[in-house]
Amino acid sequence: MSEPSPPRGPTRRALITGASAGIGRTFAERLAREQMDLCLVARRQERLDTLAAELREARGIEVEVRTADLTDTEDLLGVCAAVAERPPDLLVNNAGFGTIGRFVELDAEEEDREIRLNVLALTRLTHAALPGMVERGHGSIINVSSMAGLVPGPFTATYAATKAFVTSLSEALYEELRDSGVRVQALLPGFTRTEFQERAGVDAAGIPDFAWMSAAEVVEASLDALERGEAVCIPGLANRALSNAQRLVPRGLARRLYGMTIRRTLDT
């Protein structure tokens, strides 16, 4: 039996990209518990339909499904138009993926898709949502970045660079929008148990258990930080300790250590 839903108050709505799995799906499930109506965006229609049906039945909320490949210009512009027409109370830019390997050997088209999804789609959707949020004086955007963006990432060069962009953009917008009633957060997870590693081709066997977090823990930390109005959320004590340590290490050394760590996953 599912847990009872809280009484339904004023209608609030969240739009989540990459909602069919992992952190995106967990955001959907968590926000549904708060009785937020949802718009779920992802490429996999069957997964979205299944999730939407589950949430409608369990929570009695409205769930819209939009199947879209956000690396496709037409699909992206369609979602942006919908966002601009009806800005959500919360936009979660979660869709993204990573590649791993020597940059010179990676497929150029796949690197291009990675930049279009992680950077361009996120930027366009943020830009589409903000005017309506600013006009009404409230709204929130969570941009899912990564701990990988804190230092240059040998063997994940494009991914780390895209996430550095996401963090920088989000922090800049947080400051621009100060006193507007609109909040922007950069969420920087570390190792999270999702499908991400498998898709990226990362051998996770050598990563110690203490380094991992569940998607539920990441989402809870993000929403708590959003409530506190924090510009950057690094979930988990281990991740925050690593972030603080990186600030004390010379950038060249941090770069080399990162490269050595990732190289081991390539050689196994």
Protein backbone atom coordinates (compact mmCIF):
# COMPACT_ATOMS: atom_id res chain seq x y z
CA MET A 1 0.00 0.00 0.00
CA SER A 2 1.33 3.43 -0.89
CA GLU A 3 1.66 6.08 1.80
CA PRO A 4 -1.21 8.58 1.92
CA SER A 5 -0.78 11.84 0.03
CA PRO A 6 -0.93 15.15 1.93
CA PRO A 7 -4.00 17.35 1.41
CA ARG A 8 -3.91 19.10 -1.92
CA GLY A 9 -3.21 22.83 -1.62
CA PRO A 10 -2.67 25.45 -4.32
CA THR A 11 -1.63 23.77 -7.57
CA ARG A 12 2.10 23.81 -8.19
CA ARG A 13 3.82 22.33 -11.20
CA ALA A 14 7.30 21.03 -11.95
CA LEU A 15 8.89 20.22 -15.28
CA ILE A 16 11.67 17.62 -15.18
CA THR A 17 13.95 16.66 -18.04
CA GLY A 18 15.59 13.25 -18.14
CA ALA A 19 12.64 12.09 -16.06
CA SER A 20 12.50 8.46 -17.14
CA ALA A 21 15.30 7.17 -14.89
CA GLY A 22 17.81 7.97 -12.17
CA ILE A 23 17.85 11.36 -10.50
CA GLY A 24 15.14 12.72 -12.81
CA ARG A 25 12.72 9.92 -11.99
CA THR A 26 13.49 10.31 -8.30
CA PHE A 27 12.73 14.04 -8.47
CA ALA A 28 9.38 13.16 -10.05
CA GLU A 29 8.50 10.67 -7.34
CA ARG A 30 9.61 13.02 -4.56
CA LEU A 31 7.75 16.05 -5.91
CA ALA A 32 4.63 13.96 -6.50
CA ARG A 33 4.60 13.24 -2.77
CA GLU A 34 4.33 17.01 -2.28
CA GLN A 35 1.28 17.02 -4.57
CA MET A 36 3.00 18.92 -7.37
CA ASP A 37 1.61 18.41 -10.85
CA LEU A 38 4.32 17.26 -13.23
CA CYS A 39 5.51 17.54 -16.80
CA LEU A 40 7.93 14.72 -17.52
CA VAL A 41 10.34 15.05 -20.46
CA ALA A 42 12.57 12.28 -21.82
CA ARG A 43 13.23 10.23 -24.95
CA ARG A 44 11.74 6.95 -23.76
CA GLN A 45 7.97 7.07 -24.22
CA GLU A 46 7.17 3.72 -22.60
CA ARG A 47 9.08 4.53 -19.42
CA LEU A 48 7.46 7.96 -19.16
CA ASP A 49 3.97 6.56 -19.67
CA THR A 50 4.53 3.90 -17.01
CA LEU A 51 5.86 6.41 -14.48
CA ALA A 52 3.09 8.90 -15.22
CA ALA A 53 0.40 6.25 -14.67
CA GLU A 54 1.98 5.18 -11.38
CA LEU A 55 2.14 8.74 -10.07
CA ARG A 56 -1.38 9.65 -11.16
CA GLU A 57 -2.78 6.57 -9.39
CA ALA A 58 -0.66 6.90 -6.24
CA ARG A 59 -0.84 10.67 -5.78
CA GLY A 60 -3.92 11.91 -7.63
CA ILE A 61 -1.92 14.54 -9.49
CA GLU A 62 -1.85 15.67 -13.11
CA VAL A 63 1.11 14.29 -15.02
CA GLU A 64 1.88 15.42 -18.56
CA VAL A 65 4.29 13.42 -20.69
CA ARG A 66 6.41 15.01 -23.42
CA THR A 67 8.61 12.67 -25.42
CA ALA A 68 11.55 14.65 -26.77
CA ASP A 69 15.18 14.26 -27.74
CA LEU A 70 16.63 17.52 -26.45
CA THR A 71 19.67 17.19 -28.73
CA ASP A 72 17.25 17.59 -31.66
CA THR A 73 16.64 21.25 -32.45
CA GLU A 74 12.96 20.83 -33.31
CA ASP A 75 12.22 18.80 -30.18
CA LEU A 76 14.12 21.26 -27.99
CA LEU A 77 12.35 24.29 -29.40
CA GLY A 78 9.01 22.56 -28.89
CA VAL A 79 9.71 22.00 -25.19
CA CYS A 80 11.06 25.55 -24.83
CA ALA A 81 7.85 26.94 -26.36
CA ALA A 82 5.77 24.94 -23.90
CA VAL A 83 7.89 26.16 -20.99
CA ALA A 84 7.64 29.79 -22.08
CA GLU A 85 3.88 29.51 -22.52
CA ARG A 86 3.34 27.92 -19.12
CA PRO A 87 6.39 28.41 -16.92
CA PRO A 88 6.55 25.78 -14.17
CA ASP A 89 7.01 26.63 -10.53
CA LEU A 90 10.08 24.39 -10.59
CA LEU A 91 12.24 23.47 -13.57
CA VAL A 92 14.66 20.58 -13.05
CA ASN A 93 17.23 20.48 -15.85
CA ASN A 94 18.41 16.94 -15.25
CA ALA A 95 18.86 15.49 -18.75
CA GLY A 96 22.49 14.84 -19.58
CA PHE A 97 25.06 12.18 -20.28
CA GLY A 98 28.81 11.69 -20.20
CA THR A 99 31.47 10.10 -22.34
CA ILE A 100 34.72 8.57 -21.18
CA GLY A 101 37.99 7.94 -22.97
CA ARG A 102 40.81 9.75 -24.69
CA PHE A 103 39.26 12.80 -26.34
CA VAL A 104 41.20 12.24 -29.59
CA GLU A 105 39.65 8.77 -29.89
CA LEU A 106 36.05 9.63 -29.03
CA ASP A 107 33.35 10.01 -31.67
CA ALA A 108 33.01 13.67 -32.63
CA GLU A 109 29.26 13.44 -33.23
CA GLU A 110 28.69 11.95 -29.79
CA GLU A 111 30.76 14.72 -28.19
CA ASP A 112 28.64 17.23 -30.07
CA ARG A 113 25.44 15.60 -28.78
CA GLU A 114 26.84 15.73 -25.26
CA ILE A 115 27.43 19.47 -25.50
CA ARG A 116 24.02 20.08 -27.05
CA LEU A 117 22.24 18.21 -24.26
CA ASN A 118 24.31 19.16 -21.23
CA VAL A 119 24.85 22.81 -22.21
CA LEU A 120 22.61 24.07 -25.01
CA ALA A 121 19.36 22.37 -23.98
CA LEU A 122 19.81 23.37 -20.34
CA THR A 123 20.59 26.96 -21.29
CA ARG A 124 17.65 27.29 -23.67
CA LEU A 125 15.17 25.79 -21.21
CA THR A 126 16.42 28.02 -18.42
CA HIS A 127 16.08 31.04 -20.69
CA ALA A 128 12.56 29.99 -21.67
CA ALA A 129 11.40 29.60 -18.07
CA LEU A 130 12.86 32.71 -16.49
CA PRO A 131 10.76 35.53 -18.00
CA GLY A 132 7.50 34.08 -16.66
CA MET A 133 9.05 33.27 -13.30
CA VAL A 134 10.48 36.77 -12.93
CA GLU A 135 7.19 38.37 -14.00
CA ARG A 136 5.17 36.58 -11.34
CA GLY A 137 7.93 36.95 -8.72
CA HIS A 138 8.54 33.33 -7.86
CA GLY A 139 9.93 30.11 -9.28
CA SER A 140 12.91 27.81 -8.96
CA ILE A 141 15.38 26.16 -11.31
CA ILE A 142 17.61 23.24 -10.36
CA ASN A 143 20.38 22.64 -12.87
CA VAL A 144 21.97 19.23 -12.37
CA SER A 145 25.73 19.69 -12.67
CA SER A 146 28.38 17.35 -11.21
CA MET A 147 31.36 17.18 -8.92
CA ALA A 148 33.23 16.36 -12.14
CA GLY A 149 32.95 19.99 -13.15
CA LEU A 150 35.05 21.22 -10.24
CA VAL A 151 38.36 20.35 -11.89
CA PRO A 152 39.50 19.73 -15.49
CA GLY A 153 38.67 16.10 -16.26
CA PRO A 154 41.22 14.13 -18.25
CA PHE A 155 39.46 11.22 -20.01
CA THR A 156 36.08 12.86 -19.31
CA ALA A 157 37.15 16.15 -20.86
CA THR A 158 33.91 17.13 -22.55
CA TYR A 159 31.67 15.99 -19.72
CA ALA A 160 33.67 17.83 -17.06
CA ALA A 161 33.74 20.97 -19.21
CA THR A 162 29.97 20.90 -19.73
CA LYS A 163 29.37 20.56 -16.01
CA ALA A 164 31.77 23.41 -15.22
CA PHE A 165 29.61 25.51 -17.56
CA VAL A 166 26.42 24.45 -15.80
CA THR A 167 27.76 25.36 -12.37
CA SER A 168 29.12 28.71 -13.52
CA LEU A 169 25.91 29.65 -15.35
CA SER A 170 23.74 28.67 -12.40
CA GLU A 171 25.78 30.64 -9.87
CA ALA A 172 25.79 33.70 -12.12
CA LEU A 173 22.01 33.55 -12.56
CA TYR A 174 21.53 33.08 -8.83
CA GLU A 175 23.27 36.41 -8.32
CA GLU A 176 21.47 38.17 -11.17
CA LEU A 177 18.12 37.06 -9.78
CA ARG A 178 18.79 37.98 -6.17
CA ASP A 179 15.72 39.74 -4.70
CA SER A 180 13.56 38.69 -7.69
CA GLY A 181 11.84 35.83 -5.87
CA VAL A 182 13.38 33.35 -8.34
CA ARG A 183 15.94 30.83 -7.12
CA VAL A 184 18.55 28.99 -9.17
CA GLN A 185 20.56 26.09 -7.82
CA ALA A 186 23.51 24.15 -9.20
CA LEU A 187 23.27 20.57 -7.94
CA LEU A 188 26.65 18.79 -7.91
CA PRO A 189 26.24 15.09 -7.19
CA GLY A 190 29.19 12.77 -6.93
CA PHE A 191 28.92 9.04 -7.60
CA THR A 192 25.20 8.24 -7.63
CA ARG A 193 23.65 4.83 -8.15
CA THR A 194 21.85 5.32 -11.47
CA GLU A 195 22.20 4.14 -15.07
CA PHE A 196 24.69 6.95 -15.75
CA GLN A 197 27.85 4.93 -15.21
CA GLU A 198 26.71 2.08 -17.45
CA ARG A 199 25.80 4.44 -20.27
CA ALA A 200 29.09 6.32 -19.97
CA GLY A 201 31.08 3.08 -19.96
CA VAL A 202 32.52 3.62 -16.47
CA ASP A 203 33.74 0.53 -14.61
CA ALA A 204 32.41 1.29 -11.14
CA ALA A 205 33.78 -1.83 -9.48
CA GLY A 206 36.78 -0.06 -7.99
CA ILE A 207 34.82 2.82 -6.48
CA PRO A 208 34.46 2.32 -2.69
CA ASP A 209 30.98 2.02 -1.20
CA PHE A 210 31.37 5.12 0.96
CA ALA A 211 31.71 7.27 -2.17
CA TRP A 212 28.24 6.38 -3.42
CA MET A 213 24.90 8.02 -2.74
CA SER A 214 21.42 6.96 -3.74
CA ALA A 215 19.38 9.14 -6.07
CA ALA A 216 16.89 9.66 -3.24
CA GLU A 217 19.62 11.07 -0.99
CA VAL A 218 20.76 13.44 -3.73
CA VAL A 219 17.25 14.70 -4.42
CA GLU A 220 16.47 15.22 -0.74
CA ALA A 221 19.67 17.21 -0.26
CA SER A 222 18.87 19.33 -3.31
CA LEU A 223 15.36 20.21 -2.20
CA ASP A 224 16.54 20.99 1.34
CA ALA A 225 19.23 23.29 -0.06
CA LEU A 226 16.69 24.95 -2.36
CA GLU A 227 14.48 25.66 0.63
CA ARG A 228 17.45 27.32 2.33
CA GLY A 229 18.15 29.39 -0.79
CA GLU A 230 21.61 27.96 -1.46
CA ALA A 231 23.17 28.59 -4.86
CA VAL A 232 25.22 25.38 -4.88
CA CYS A 233 24.29 22.01 -3.41
CA ILE A 234 26.99 19.36 -2.97
CA PRO A 235 25.15 16.44 -1.41
CA GLY A 236 26.86 14.13 1.06
CA LEU A 237 29.59 14.62 3.64
CA ALA A 238 32.18 12.74 1.57
CA ASN A 239 31.51 14.89 -1.49
CA ARG A 240 31.71 18.11 0.51
CA ALA A 241 34.96 16.98 2.12
CA LEU A 242 36.41 16.19 -1.31
CA SER A 243 35.27 19.56 -2.65
CA ASN A 244 36.96 21.37 0.25
CA ALA A 245 40.15 19.34 -0.20
CA GLN A 246 40.28 20.16 -3.90
CA ARG A 247 40.46 23.85 -3.06
CA LEU A 248 43.65 23.24 -1.11
CA VAL A 249 45.36 21.18 -3.82
CA PRO A 250 47.24 22.95 -6.66
CA ARG A 251 45.13 22.82 -9.80
CA GLY A 252 47.78 20.94 -11.75
CA LEU A 253 47.95 18.22 -9.11
CA ALA A 254 44.17 17.96 -8.91
CA ARG A 255 44.04 17.57 -12.68
CA ARG A 256 46.64 14.81 -12.61
CA LEU A 257 44.99 12.91 -9.76
CA TYR A 258 41.64 13.05 -11.56
CA GLY A 259 43.25 11.70 -14.72
CA MET A 260 44.97 8.88 -12.84
CA THR A 261 41.69 7.86 -11.20
CA ILE A 262 39.74 7.77 -14.47
CA ARG A 263 42.57 6.04 -16.33
CA ARG A 264 42.25 3.08 -13.97
CA THR A 265 38.63 2.58 -15.06
CA LEU A 266 39.80 2.52 -18.70
CA ASP A 267 42.55 -0.01 -18.10
CA THR A 268 40.47 -2.51 -16.13
